[in-house]
Amino acid sequence: MLLLKKILPFFSYLFHPLFIPLFGTLFFFYKHDNTFEPFIKYITLIQIVIITILIPMTFLYFLKIIGKVDSIMVSDLSQRKIPMAVQLILMAMLLAKSISHEQVPELFYFFLAGMISTFLALFFLFLKMKVSIHMIGMSSLTAFVIGLSILNYSNWIGIIAFLILMNGVVGTSRLQMNAHTGKELVLGFFIGLIPQLVLWRLWL
């Protein structure tokens, strides 16, 4: 039991919300049937890494230096507004400049749904309610992979089962780290899931 408690926090870092856009894009390019040239894949991945991981992490580090956030997990409710607003702006830039609706509608709507989820999470912050961004990321990724499996008529039951399991593991990790209540986890799960499901009809 003690070993499990030591291992669980690892999953909060492995499936940190900053990594979810990259995971979804990697899955799209290397598992989903597509005809993109390797160069296009690499350029897109580099842009996503820079915009959704490197810039936000640099900004978080800067906020930590000046005492505006405590850690990369940004557990305190009052500290979340600025990072989430910046994340919204960066995702909007990514959709406007890098991910085309005409060329990659699947990725476009994956990121658009992610923007909607981020906006909703930010909205709840102004209502003094914290939701789990980890669960938003995990449920979003799971819904995206399920959507791609339907699109491809592919039997990805093993991958989907793994992601569903990881939803539970990450949720348990957040509880064990005292980062969220059960209500915040459930709310985050549905805020991540529902926009993805609603936008399915635009690309499935």
Protein backbone atom coordinates (compact mmCIF):
# COMPACT_ATOMS: atom_id res chain seq x y z
CA MET A 1 0.00 0.00 0.00
CA LEU A 2 2.85 2.34 0.87
CA LEU A 3 4.56 1.49 -2.44
CA LEU A 4 1.34 2.27 -4.30
CA LYS A 5 1.14 5.68 -2.64
CA LYS A 6 4.69 6.40 -3.77
CA ILE A 7 3.98 5.29 -7.35
CA LEU A 8 0.64 7.07 -7.87
CA PRO A 9 2.05 10.65 -8.06
CA PHE A 10 4.14 9.53 -11.04
CA PHE A 11 0.96 9.27 -13.13
CA SER A 12 0.01 12.86 -12.30
CA TYR A 13 3.27 13.97 -13.89
CA LEU A 14 3.20 11.47 -16.78
CA PHE A 15 -0.31 12.56 -17.77
CA HIS A 16 0.10 16.20 -16.88
CA PRO A 17 -2.42 18.33 -18.85
CA LEU A 18 0.42 20.02 -20.75
CA PHE A 19 1.31 16.68 -22.38
CA ILE A 20 -2.20 15.70 -23.49
CA PRO A 21 -2.17 17.72 -26.78
CA LEU A 22 1.12 16.04 -27.72
CA PHE A 23 -0.18 12.56 -26.84
CA GLY A 24 -3.31 13.11 -28.91
CA THR A 25 -1.32 14.39 -31.88
CA LEU A 26 1.19 11.53 -31.72
CA PHE A 27 -1.64 9.05 -31.68
CA PHE A 28 -3.33 10.76 -34.62
CA PHE A 29 -0.21 10.79 -36.79
CA TYR A 30 1.19 7.34 -36.01
CA LYS A 31 -1.90 5.21 -35.34
CA HIS A 32 -4.67 6.83 -37.39
CA ASP A 33 -4.70 6.14 -41.13
CA ASN A 34 -3.40 9.25 -42.88
CA THR A 35 -1.19 10.21 -45.79
CA PHE A 36 0.80 13.06 -44.28
CA GLU A 37 4.44 13.32 -45.25
CA PRO A 38 6.93 12.74 -42.40
CA PHE A 39 8.15 16.34 -42.73
CA ILE A 40 4.62 17.68 -42.13
CA LYS A 41 4.22 15.42 -39.11
CA TYR A 42 7.51 16.56 -37.58
CA ILE A 43 6.82 20.26 -38.18
CA THR A 44 3.36 19.97 -36.64
CA LEU A 45 4.71 18.07 -33.63
CA ILE A 46 7.45 20.64 -33.09
CA GLN A 47 4.92 23.46 -33.18
CA ILE A 48 2.69 21.65 -30.69
CA VAL A 49 5.60 20.96 -28.34
CA ILE A 50 6.67 24.62 -28.43
CA ILE A 51 3.19 26.14 -28.08
CA THR A 52 1.51 23.71 -25.68
CA ILE A 53 4.48 22.53 -23.57
CA LEU A 54 7.63 24.67 -23.73
CA ILE A 55 6.03 28.12 -23.65
CA PRO A 56 3.53 27.23 -20.87
CA MET A 57 6.26 25.54 -18.80
CA THR A 58 8.55 28.54 -19.23
CA PHE A 59 5.71 30.84 -18.21
CA LEU A 60 4.89 28.67 -15.19
CA TYR A 61 8.55 28.70 -14.17
CA PHE A 62 8.56 32.50 -14.44
CA LEU A 63 5.40 32.71 -12.30
CA LYS A 64 7.03 30.40 -9.75
CA ILE A 65 10.14 32.62 -9.60
CA ILE A 66 8.06 35.72 -8.89
CA GLY A 67 5.93 33.84 -6.35
CA LYS A 68 2.66 33.72 -8.28
CA VAL A 69 2.41 29.90 -8.29
CA ASP A 70 3.72 27.25 -5.90
CA SER A 71 4.45 24.44 -8.38
CA ILE A 72 3.83 23.15 -11.90
CA MET A 73 0.65 21.50 -10.60
CA VAL A 74 -0.80 24.92 -9.66
CA SER A 75 -3.05 23.42 -7.00
CA ASP A 76 -4.21 26.69 -5.45
CA LEU A 77 -7.46 27.99 -6.94
CA SER A 78 -6.35 31.64 -6.99
CA GLN A 79 -3.14 30.80 -8.87
CA ARG A 80 -4.83 29.05 -11.79
CA LYS A 81 -6.49 31.94 -13.61
CA ILE A 82 -3.44 33.45 -15.33
CA PRO A 83 -1.90 30.14 -16.54
CA MET A 84 -5.25 28.95 -17.88
CA ALA A 85 -5.93 32.25 -19.66
CA VAL A 86 -2.48 32.05 -21.28
CA GLN A 87 -3.17 28.44 -22.29
CA LEU A 88 -6.38 29.55 -24.00
CA ILE A 89 -4.53 32.21 -25.98
CA LEU A 90 -1.80 29.77 -27.02
CA MET A 91 -4.32 27.15 -28.17
CA ALA A 92 -6.15 29.81 -30.18
CA MET A 93 -2.85 30.73 -31.84
CA LEU A 94 -2.19 27.08 -32.63
CA LEU A 95 -5.56 26.66 -34.31
CA ALA A 96 -5.23 29.94 -36.20
CA LYS A 97 -1.70 29.38 -37.51
CA SER A 98 -0.79 25.69 -37.40
CA ILE A 99 -3.74 23.29 -37.41
CA SER A 100 -6.03 23.72 -40.37
CA HIS A 101 -9.65 22.66 -40.34
CA GLU A 102 -9.37 21.76 -44.03
CA GLN A 103 -6.23 19.62 -43.71
CA VAL A 104 -6.64 17.99 -40.29
CA PRO A 105 -10.26 18.31 -39.12
CA GLU A 106 -9.78 15.57 -36.51
CA LEU A 107 -6.96 17.44 -34.77
CA PHE A 108 -8.66 20.80 -35.26
CA TYR A 109 -11.77 19.71 -33.39
CA PHE A 110 -9.72 17.86 -30.76
CA PHE A 111 -7.97 21.13 -29.94
CA LEU A 112 -11.14 23.21 -30.29
CA ALA A 113 -12.92 20.95 -27.80
CA GLY A 114 -9.88 21.29 -25.54
CA MET A 115 -10.21 25.07 -25.75
CA ILE A 116 -13.87 24.85 -24.79
CA SER A 117 -12.99 22.65 -21.82
CA THR A 118 -10.26 25.06 -20.73
CA PHE A 119 -12.66 27.99 -21.00
CA LEU A 120 -15.23 26.13 -18.88
CA ALA A 121 -12.60 25.33 -16.26
CA LEU A 122 -11.60 29.00 -16.18
CA PHE A 123 -15.28 29.99 -15.90
CA PHE A 124 -15.67 27.73 -12.87
CA LEU A 125 -12.63 29.37 -11.29
CA PHE A 126 -14.44 32.70 -11.33
CA LEU A 127 -17.27 30.91 -9.54
CA LYS A 128 -14.72 29.88 -6.88
CA MET A 129 -14.89 26.25 -8.02
CA LYS A 130 -11.78 24.25 -8.88
CA VAL A 131 -12.04 21.40 -11.36
CA SER A 132 -9.42 18.78 -12.16
CA ILE A 133 -7.50 19.77 -15.28
CA HIS A 134 -5.84 16.35 -15.17
CA MET A 135 -9.22 14.69 -15.58
CA ILE A 136 -10.17 17.16 -18.31
CA GLY A 137 -7.06 16.09 -20.21
CA MET A 138 -7.54 12.36 -19.66
CA SER A 139 -11.22 12.24 -20.61
CA SER A 140 -10.52 14.45 -23.67
CA LEU A 141 -7.76 12.14 -24.87
CA THR A 142 -9.87 9.05 -24.26
CA ALA A 143 -12.83 10.47 -26.21
CA PHE A 144 -10.51 11.50 -29.08
CA VAL A 145 -9.01 8.02 -29.37
CA ILE A 146 -12.46 6.41 -29.26
CA GLY A 147 -13.58 8.79 -32.02
CA LEU A 148 -10.60 7.87 -34.20
CA SER A 149 -11.27 4.17 -33.67
CA ILE A 150 -14.85 4.68 -34.87
CA LEU A 151 -13.65 6.72 -37.85
CA ASN A 152 -11.16 4.02 -38.86
CA TYR A 153 -13.42 1.07 -38.04
CA SER A 154 -10.48 -0.11 -35.96
CA ASN A 155 -10.44 -2.46 -33.01
CA TRP A 156 -8.40 -0.47 -30.51
CA ILE A 157 -10.06 -2.03 -27.48
CA GLY A 158 -6.72 -2.57 -25.72
CA ILE A 159 -5.67 1.07 -26.10
CA ILE A 160 -9.10 2.35 -25.10
CA ALA A 161 -9.21 0.06 -22.07
CA PHE A 162 -5.75 1.32 -21.05
CA LEU A 163 -6.86 4.95 -21.32
CA ILE A 164 -10.03 4.27 -19.31
CA LEU A 165 -7.85 2.61 -16.67
CA MET A 166 -5.53 5.62 -16.67
CA ASN A 167 -8.51 7.90 -16.05
CA GLY A 168 -9.05 5.99 -12.82
CA VAL A 169 -5.36 5.87 -11.92
CA VAL A 170 -4.82 9.59 -12.52
CA GLY A 171 -7.97 10.41 -10.55
CA THR A 172 -6.77 8.24 -7.68
CA SER A 173 -3.37 9.91 -7.88
CA ARG A 174 -4.94 13.36 -7.56
CA LEU A 175 -6.94 12.22 -4.56
CA GLN A 176 -3.88 10.64 -2.95
CA MET A 177 -1.94 13.89 -3.43
CA ASN A 178 -4.82 15.83 -1.83
CA ALA A 179 -5.01 17.97 -4.97
CA HIS A 180 -8.75 17.51 -5.54
CA THR A 181 -11.97 16.26 -4.06
CA GLY A 182 -14.03 13.55 -5.72
CA LYS A 183 -16.50 16.18 -6.92
CA GLU A 184 -13.73 18.18 -8.62
CA LEU A 185 -12.49 15.04 -10.37
CA VAL A 186 -15.94 14.08 -11.66
CA LEU A 187 -16.62 17.63 -12.81
CA GLY A 188 -13.28 17.75 -14.63
CA PHE A 189 -13.97 14.40 -16.29
CA PHE A 190 -17.25 15.59 -17.79
CA ILE A 191 -15.92 19.04 -18.75
CA GLY A 192 -13.26 17.26 -20.78
CA LEU A 193 -15.53 14.55 -22.19
CA ILE A 194 -18.66 16.41 -23.27
CA PRO A 195 -17.10 19.00 -25.67
CA GLN A 196 -15.23 16.18 -27.43
CA LEU A 197 -18.42 14.14 -27.83
CA VAL A 198 -20.43 17.16 -29.01
CA LEU A 199 -17.83 17.99 -31.69
CA TRP A 200 -17.62 14.38 -32.89
CA ARG A 201 -20.46 15.08 -35.30
CA LEU A 202 -18.29 17.64 -37.12
CA TRP A 203 -15.53 15.19 -38.04
CA LEU A 204 -16.86 11.64 -37.67
